[in-house]
């Protein structure tokens, strides 16, 4: 008969295996960071994902060198993952994105963090069994900007 501690270890191992299997089936992306249970990875192409809402709010703004813009988003209980998409399209300028969850700070992430140097940071954040509910903050920073830079930002 197994001891209580051994059974706990087996249950934890089983949960990890199940979580990894579920994540592997939905995310075939490169892991960028693991922090406090969060997995930040490159986002898959979501243009044909029928699970997304038909109208995704899009924020547009202009940022300059050294400037910080901060946006909040409420993540409800049971949310398995979310996408953060910062797009400025100009590889001569550099912006960064930092995600601040109620229980962790993720990033900052720069162009190329998602595997492509294209003036975009396109990430998926997940945590098993779900993201921590509450207000999440998205911080965009003008890391190296000549003049000003237009950008769009989505978090869904």
Protein backbone atom coordinates (compact mmCIF):
# COMPACT_ATOMS: atom_id res chain seq x y z
CA UNK A 1 0.00 0.00 0.00
CA UNK A 2 1.30 3.46 -0.93
CA UNK A 3 1.82 6.12 1.70
CA UNK A 4 -0.24 9.31 1.66
CA UNK A 5 2.82 11.34 0.55
CA UNK A 6 3.52 8.93 -2.32
CA UNK A 7 -0.11 9.14 -3.45
CA UNK A 8 0.08 12.96 -3.41
CA UNK A 9 3.19 12.83 -5.60
CA UNK A 10 1.42 10.46 -8.03
CA UNK A 11 -1.65 12.72 -8.21
CA UNK A 12 0.51 15.79 -8.80
CA UNK A 13 2.45 13.95 -11.51
CA UNK A 14 -0.82 12.84 -13.13
CA UNK A 15 -2.15 16.41 -13.11
CA UNK A 16 1.07 17.67 -14.67
CA UNK A 17 0.87 15.03 -17.41
CA UNK A 18 -2.80 15.85 -18.10
CA UNK A 19 -2.05 19.58 -18.16
CA UNK A 20 0.88 19.05 -20.51
CA UNK A 21 -1.25 16.90 -22.81
CA UNK A 22 -4.02 19.50 -22.91
CA UNK A 23 -1.54 22.30 -23.50
CA UNK A 24 0.29 20.34 -26.19
CA UNK A 25 -2.93 19.69 -28.05
CA UNK A 26 -3.91 23.36 -28.10
CA UNK A 27 -0.55 25.12 -28.17
CA UNK A 28 2.10 24.03 -30.65
CA UNK A 29 4.12 27.12 -29.99
CA UNK A 30 7.54 27.92 -28.59
CA UNK A 31 7.67 28.57 -24.85
CA UNK A 32 9.20 31.98 -24.13
CA UNK A 33 8.88 32.17 -20.34
CA UNK A 34 7.59 30.15 -17.41
CA UNK A 35 6.88 32.17 -14.28
CA UNK A 36 4.74 31.38 -11.22
CA UNK A 37 2.82 28.70 -13.14
CA UNK A 38 2.27 30.89 -16.22
CA UNK A 39 3.44 29.73 -19.61
CA UNK A 40 4.12 32.48 -22.12
CA UNK A 41 4.48 31.18 -25.66
CA UNK A 42 4.28 32.33 -29.23
CA UNK A 43 0.67 32.72 -30.31
CA UNK A 44 -0.78 30.58 -33.07
CA UNK A 45 -2.43 32.17 -36.07
CA UNK A 46 -5.90 32.95 -34.75
CA UNK A 47 -7.42 34.55 -37.86
CA UNK A 48 -9.75 31.58 -38.44
CA UNK A 49 -10.43 30.70 -34.80
CA UNK A 50 -14.22 30.48 -34.48
CA UNK A 51 -14.01 30.47 -30.66
CA UNK A 52 -13.03 34.15 -30.62
CA UNK A 53 -15.63 36.90 -30.33
CA UNK A 54 -16.56 38.49 -33.64
CA UNK A 55 -15.66 41.97 -32.38
CA UNK A 56 -12.33 42.17 -30.57
CA UNK A 57 -11.57 45.60 -29.07
CA UNK A 58 -8.56 47.17 -30.73
CA UNK A 59 -6.59 49.93 -29.05
CA UNK A 60 -4.62 52.31 -31.25
CA UNK A 61 -2.20 54.95 -30.08
CA UNK A 62 1.08 56.75 -30.72
CA UNK A 63 4.10 56.37 -28.43
CA UNK A 64 7.44 58.19 -28.21
CA UNK A 65 10.89 57.36 -26.82
CA UNK A 66 10.74 56.56 -23.10
CA UNK A 67 6.96 56.86 -22.89
CA UNK A 68 4.82 54.22 -21.17
CA UNK A 69 1.18 53.43 -21.92
CA UNK A 70 -0.77 51.20 -19.55
CA UNK A 71 -4.03 49.38 -20.26
CA UNK A 72 -6.07 47.19 -17.94
CA UNK A 73 -8.14 44.14 -18.64
CA UNK A 74 -10.30 42.11 -16.29
CA UNK A 75 -9.69 38.36 -16.58
CA UNK A 76 -12.62 36.34 -15.29
CA UNK A 77 -12.38 33.11 -13.33
CA UNK A 78 -11.91 30.01 -15.48
CA UNK A 79 -10.10 31.75 -18.35
CA UNK A 80 -7.64 29.17 -19.66
CA UNK A 81 -5.46 31.48 -21.74
CA UNK A 82 -5.29 34.85 -23.40
CA UNK A 83 -3.60 36.50 -26.34
CA UNK A 84 -1.58 39.72 -26.13
CA UNK A 85 -0.91 41.30 -29.52
CA UNK A 86 1.20 44.47 -29.78
CA UNK A 87 1.76 45.51 -33.38
CA UNK A 88 3.68 48.54 -34.66
CA UNK A 89 5.12 47.03 -37.85
CA UNK A 90 8.29 49.16 -37.99
CA UNK A 91 11.40 47.16 -37.12
CA UNK A 92 13.51 50.32 -36.93
CA UNK A 93 11.71 51.22 -33.67
CA UNK A 94 11.54 49.04 -30.56
CA UNK A 95 8.58 48.75 -28.20
CA UNK A 96 8.23 46.40 -25.26
CA UNK A 97 5.25 44.73 -23.65
CA UNK A 98 5.05 43.76 -19.98
CA UNK A 99 2.05 41.81 -18.65
CA UNK A 100 1.23 42.28 -14.99
CA UNK A 101 -1.07 39.60 -13.56
CA UNK A 102 -2.46 39.84 -10.02
CA UNK A 103 0.25 37.39 -8.92
CA UNK A 104 3.17 37.78 -11.35
CA UNK A 105 4.94 40.11 -13.76
CA UNK A 106 5.63 38.61 -17.19
CA UNK A 107 8.18 40.20 -19.48
CA UNK A 108 9.15 42.66 -20.74
CA UNK A 109 8.93 41.21 -24.24
CA UNK A 110 10.50 42.83 -27.29
CA UNK A 111 10.21 42.31 -31.04
CA UNK A 112 11.56 38.86 -31.78
CA UNK A 113 10.26 37.35 -28.51
CA UNK A 114 7.59 35.61 -30.57
CA UNK A 115 10.17 34.17 -32.95
CA UNK A 116 9.86 36.82 -35.67
CA UNK A 117 11.41 40.26 -36.03
CA UNK A 118 8.47 42.06 -37.60
CA UNK A 119 7.48 44.97 -35.37
CA UNK A 120 5.08 42.79 -33.41
CA UNK A 121 4.90 40.96 -30.09
CA UNK A 122 2.24 38.23 -30.44
CA UNK A 123 1.96 36.01 -27.35
CA UNK A 124 -0.30 33.48 -25.66
CA UNK A 125 -0.38 33.35 -21.85
CA UNK A 126 -1.75 30.24 -20.14
CA UNK A 127 -1.82 28.71 -16.70
CA UNK A 128 -3.23 25.42 -15.48
CA UNK A 129 -6.01 25.14 -14.51
CA UNK A 130 -6.70 28.81 -15.40
CA UNK A 131 -5.28 32.31 -15.37
CA UNK A 132 -5.51 34.17 -12.09
CA UNK A 133 -8.74 36.14 -12.11
CA UNK A 134 -8.64 39.88 -11.57
CA UNK A 135 -7.29 43.00 -13.19
CA UNK A 136 -4.33 42.47 -15.49
CA UNK A 137 -2.19 45.40 -16.59
CA UNK A 138 -0.54 45.65 -19.99
CA UNK A 139 2.41 48.04 -20.09
CA UNK A 140 3.71 49.23 -23.46
CA UNK A 141 7.02 51.07 -23.40
CA UNK A 142 8.75 53.08 -26.13
CA UNK A 143 12.14 51.38 -25.75
CA UNK A 144 13.91 52.85 -28.78
CA UNK A 145 11.67 55.15 -30.81
CA UNK A 146 12.74 57.78 -33.30
CA UNK A 147 10.10 60.51 -33.34
CA UNK A 148 6.85 58.71 -32.66
CA UNK A 149 5.44 55.27 -33.45
CA UNK A 150 1.84 54.24 -34.16
CA UNK A 151 0.77 50.91 -32.70
CA UNK A 152 -2.25 48.73 -32.09
CA UNK A 153 -2.78 46.55 -29.05
CA UNK A 154 -5.24 43.72 -28.42
CA UNK A 155 -5.70 41.51 -25.41
CA UNK A 156 -8.32 38.76 -25.67
